[in-house]
């Protein structure tokens, strides 16, 4: 699997290649924040083409793009953030795995994403968050069921093993969007 980083607004060629790579995917399977709609400020295209975009803050964030045989497989971002006066980092921002790679023998999130971030740089702050828009509420609900001890689904092999370290903290306003948030102490810099 080939891994590329988008670290800067100035990496126009990488950004264009990334955007082109997910355009081949049936739009019915793409989250709305992966559209090329210029009016949606929260979509990944607009974020990457904004020199002040969240992935470029303080030169600490980035987007990781995975490809296999020049085809898009997955992507996800990381950036430092302050939430509820706590300094931490948001993981798996704009995370997306191509449908045919989900529940594959290779767990992209465990086997690639987290280890790639750790090789790149230390995670900032004492806290880690993952956020979910309304269209991904079903994922947040999986964490909620785990918190309430109603379902051990996050312990299954199809989910990244580190998901069990997170707990629900409810909805928060992040980049002008109400999102569901799960939180964990920063276990990545240990």
Protein backbone atom coordinates (compact mmCIF):
# COMPACT_ATOMS: atom_id res chain seq x y z
CA UNK A 1 0.00 0.00 0.00
CA UNK A 2 1.31 3.44 -0.89
CA UNK A 3 1.06 6.22 1.68
CA UNK A 4 1.19 9.94 0.90
CA UNK A 5 0.94 12.93 3.20
CA UNK A 6 -0.65 16.26 2.42
CA UNK A 7 1.09 18.66 4.79
CA UNK A 8 0.63 22.01 3.10
CA UNK A 9 -1.74 24.11 1.06
CA UNK A 10 1.13 24.53 -1.40
CA UNK A 11 1.13 20.84 -2.34
CA UNK A 12 -1.32 21.49 -5.18
CA UNK A 13 -0.31 18.47 -7.24
CA UNK A 14 -0.86 16.08 -4.32
CA UNK A 15 -4.18 17.74 -3.46
CA UNK A 16 -5.42 17.47 -7.05
CA UNK A 17 -4.30 13.83 -7.29
CA UNK A 18 -6.12 13.05 -4.04
CA UNK A 19 -9.35 14.77 -5.13
CA UNK A 20 -9.22 13.03 -8.52
CA UNK A 21 -8.65 9.66 -6.82
CA UNK A 22 -11.93 9.63 -4.92
CA UNK A 23 -13.94 11.01 -7.86
CA UNK A 24 -13.96 7.51 -9.38
CA UNK A 25 -16.02 6.23 -6.42
CA UNK A 26 -19.80 6.10 -6.81
CA UNK A 27 -21.10 9.25 -5.11
CA UNK A 28 -23.75 7.17 -3.31
CA UNK A 29 -20.93 5.72 -1.19
CA UNK A 30 -19.14 9.01 -0.46
CA UNK A 31 -19.95 11.09 2.63
CA UNK A 32 -21.29 14.54 1.78
CA UNK A 33 -18.09 16.13 3.08
CA UNK A 34 -16.23 14.48 0.18
CA UNK A 35 -18.15 16.35 -2.50
CA UNK A 36 -16.58 19.01 -4.71
CA UNK A 37 -19.40 21.42 -3.80
CA UNK A 38 -17.65 24.76 -3.28
CA UNK A 39 -20.50 26.07 -1.10
CA UNK A 40 -19.89 23.37 1.55
CA UNK A 41 -17.01 24.87 3.56
CA UNK A 42 -16.65 21.64 5.55
CA UNK A 43 -15.89 19.38 2.62
CA UNK A 44 -12.37 18.06 2.32
CA UNK A 45 -11.79 19.72 -1.05
CA UNK A 46 -12.38 23.20 0.39
CA UNK A 47 -10.43 22.46 3.56
CA UNK A 48 -7.36 21.29 1.63
CA UNK A 49 -7.52 24.27 -0.74
CA UNK A 50 -7.65 26.77 2.15
CA UNK A 51 -4.21 27.95 3.22
CA UNK A 52 -5.60 28.36 6.75
CA UNK A 53 -7.34 24.97 6.68
CA UNK A 54 -7.48 22.92 9.87
CA UNK A 55 -4.92 20.36 8.70
CA UNK A 56 -2.27 23.06 8.27
CA UNK A 57 -2.65 24.80 11.65
CA UNK A 58 0.72 25.52 13.23
CA UNK A 59 2.25 23.08 10.71
CA UNK A 60 1.11 20.28 12.99
CA UNK A 61 -1.69 18.58 11.07
CA UNK A 62 -1.86 16.58 7.87
CA UNK A 63 -3.99 14.26 5.76
CA UNK A 64 -2.84 10.72 4.99
CA UNK A 65 -3.91 9.17 1.70
CA UNK A 66 -3.60 5.43 1.04
CA UNK A 67 -3.65 4.01 -2.47
CA UNK A 68 -3.22 0.54 -3.92
CA UNK A 69 -2.32 0.17 -7.60
CA UNK A 70 -2.98 3.92 -8.03
CA UNK A 71 -6.55 3.58 -6.74
CA UNK A 72 -7.87 5.40 -3.69
CA UNK A 73 -8.23 3.11 -0.65
CA UNK A 74 -8.59 5.40 2.38
CA UNK A 75 -7.74 8.76 3.87
CA UNK A 76 -7.83 10.44 7.23
CA UNK A 77 -6.58 13.57 8.89
CA UNK A 78 -5.06 14.61 12.16
CA UNK A 79 -4.73 18.07 13.70
CA UNK A 80 -4.26 19.69 17.12
CA UNK A 81 -7.35 21.20 18.71
CA UNK A 82 -8.65 22.76 21.93
CA UNK A 83 -11.98 21.39 23.17
CA UNK A 84 -13.61 22.35 26.47
CA UNK A 85 -10.35 24.16 27.42
CA UNK A 86 -8.37 20.91 27.04
CA UNK A 87 -5.46 20.70 24.59
CA UNK A 88 -5.49 17.64 22.42
CA UNK A 89 -5.76 16.31 18.90
CA UNK A 90 -8.53 15.22 16.61
CA UNK A 91 -7.93 11.84 14.97
CA UNK A 92 -9.59 10.35 11.92
CA UNK A 93 -10.89 13.69 10.68
CA UNK A 94 -12.51 13.22 7.28
CA UNK A 95 -11.70 9.54 7.59
CA UNK A 96 -13.04 7.41 4.78
CA UNK A 97 -12.34 3.86 3.65
CA UNK A 98 -13.41 2.72 0.20
CA UNK A 99 -16.30 0.26 0.53
CA UNK A 100 -14.45 -2.79 -0.83
CA UNK A 101 -11.65 -2.28 1.75
CA UNK A 102 -13.93 -2.16 4.79
CA UNK A 103 -13.80 -5.25 7.05
CA UNK A 104 -10.87 -6.43 4.95
CA UNK A 105 -8.16 -8.73 6.28
CA UNK A 106 -6.07 -5.59 6.70
CA UNK A 107 -7.50 -3.25 9.31
CA UNK A 108 -6.43 0.03 7.72
CA UNK A 109 -7.17 2.04 10.85
CA UNK A 110 -5.11 -0.15 13.22
CA UNK A 111 -2.49 -1.46 10.82
CA UNK A 112 -1.82 1.75 8.94
CA UNK A 113 -3.42 4.97 10.12
CA UNK A 114 -2.35 5.19 13.76
CA UNK A 115 1.14 3.77 13.17
CA UNK A 116 1.65 6.19 10.28
CA UNK A 117 0.74 9.17 12.47
CA UNK A 118 3.12 8.00 15.18
CA UNK A 119 5.96 7.65 12.69
CA UNK A 120 5.25 11.13 11.37
CA UNK A 121 5.21 13.10 14.63
CA UNK A 122 4.06 12.95 18.24
CA UNK A 123 0.42 13.61 18.97
CA UNK A 124 -0.08 16.96 20.66
CA UNK A 125 -1.83 17.41 23.99
CA UNK A 126 -3.18 15.10 26.67
CA UNK A 127 -6.47 14.26 24.94
CA UNK A 128 -7.64 12.58 21.76
CA UNK A 129 -11.01 13.12 20.13
CA UNK A 130 -12.90 11.63 17.25
CA UNK A 131 -15.90 13.51 15.90
CA UNK A 132 -18.93 12.38 13.94
CA UNK A 133 -21.34 14.47 11.89
CA UNK A 134 -25.06 13.72 11.94
CA UNK A 135 -24.67 11.40 8.95
CA UNK A 136 -22.23 9.29 10.98
CA UNK A 137 -24.33 9.20 14.15
CA UNK A 138 -24.53 5.41 13.86
CA UNK A 139 -20.80 5.24 14.65
CA UNK A 140 -21.23 7.46 17.68
CA UNK A 141 -24.07 5.20 18.82
CA UNK A 142 -21.68 2.21 18.73
CA UNK A 143 -19.48 4.05 21.25
CA UNK A 144 -22.57 4.93 23.29
CA UNK A 145 -23.66 1.26 23.43
CA UNK A 146 -20.14 0.36 24.57
CA UNK A 147 -20.25 3.04 27.32
CA UNK A 148 -23.60 1.73 28.50
CA UNK A 149 -22.26 -1.84 28.39
CA UNK A 150 -25.10 -2.79 26.05
CA UNK A 151 -22.90 -4.14 23.29
CA UNK A 152 -19.29 -5.28 22.95
CA UNK A 153 -19.34 -4.49 19.21
CA UNK A 154 -16.25 -2.26 19.41
CA UNK A 155 -14.30 -5.26 20.72
CA UNK A 156 -14.87 -7.19 17.48
CA UNK A 157 -12.10 -7.62 14.91
CA UNK A 158 -13.77 -5.35 12.35
CA UNK A 159 -13.24 -2.28 14.53
CA UNK A 160 -9.84 -0.74 15.35
CA UNK A 161 -8.66 -2.06 18.71
CA UNK A 162 -7.97 1.41 20.11
CA UNK A 163 -11.66 2.40 19.76
CA UNK A 164 -12.34 0.72 23.12
CA UNK A 165 -10.28 3.45 24.84
CA UNK A 166 -12.78 6.18 23.89
CA UNK A 167 -15.95 7.24 25.69
CA UNK A 168 -18.81 9.54 24.66
CA UNK A 169 -18.87 13.16 25.79
CA UNK A 170 -21.92 14.27 23.78
CA UNK A 171 -22.31 16.94 21.17
CA UNK A 172 -19.96 19.89 20.75
CA UNK A 173 -19.69 22.76 18.30
CA UNK A 174 -16.60 22.14 16.15
CA UNK A 175 -15.86 24.36 13.16
CA UNK A 176 -19.41 25.76 13.28
CA UNK A 177 -20.93 22.29 13.09
CA UNK A 178 -22.60 20.36 15.88
CA UNK A 179 -20.79 17.04 16.10
CA UNK A 180 -20.87 13.96 18.29
CA UNK A 181 -17.58 13.57 20.15
CA UNK A 182 -15.76 10.65 21.77
CA UNK A 183 -12.74 11.26 23.97
CA UNK A 184 -9.76 9.42 25.37
CA UNK A 185 -6.67 10.27 27.34
CA UNK A 186 -3.77 10.51 24.89
CA UNK A 187 -2.53 6.91 24.77
CA UNK A 188 -0.42 7.45 21.65
CA UNK A 189 2.57 9.24 23.20
CA UNK A 190 3.20 6.67 25.91
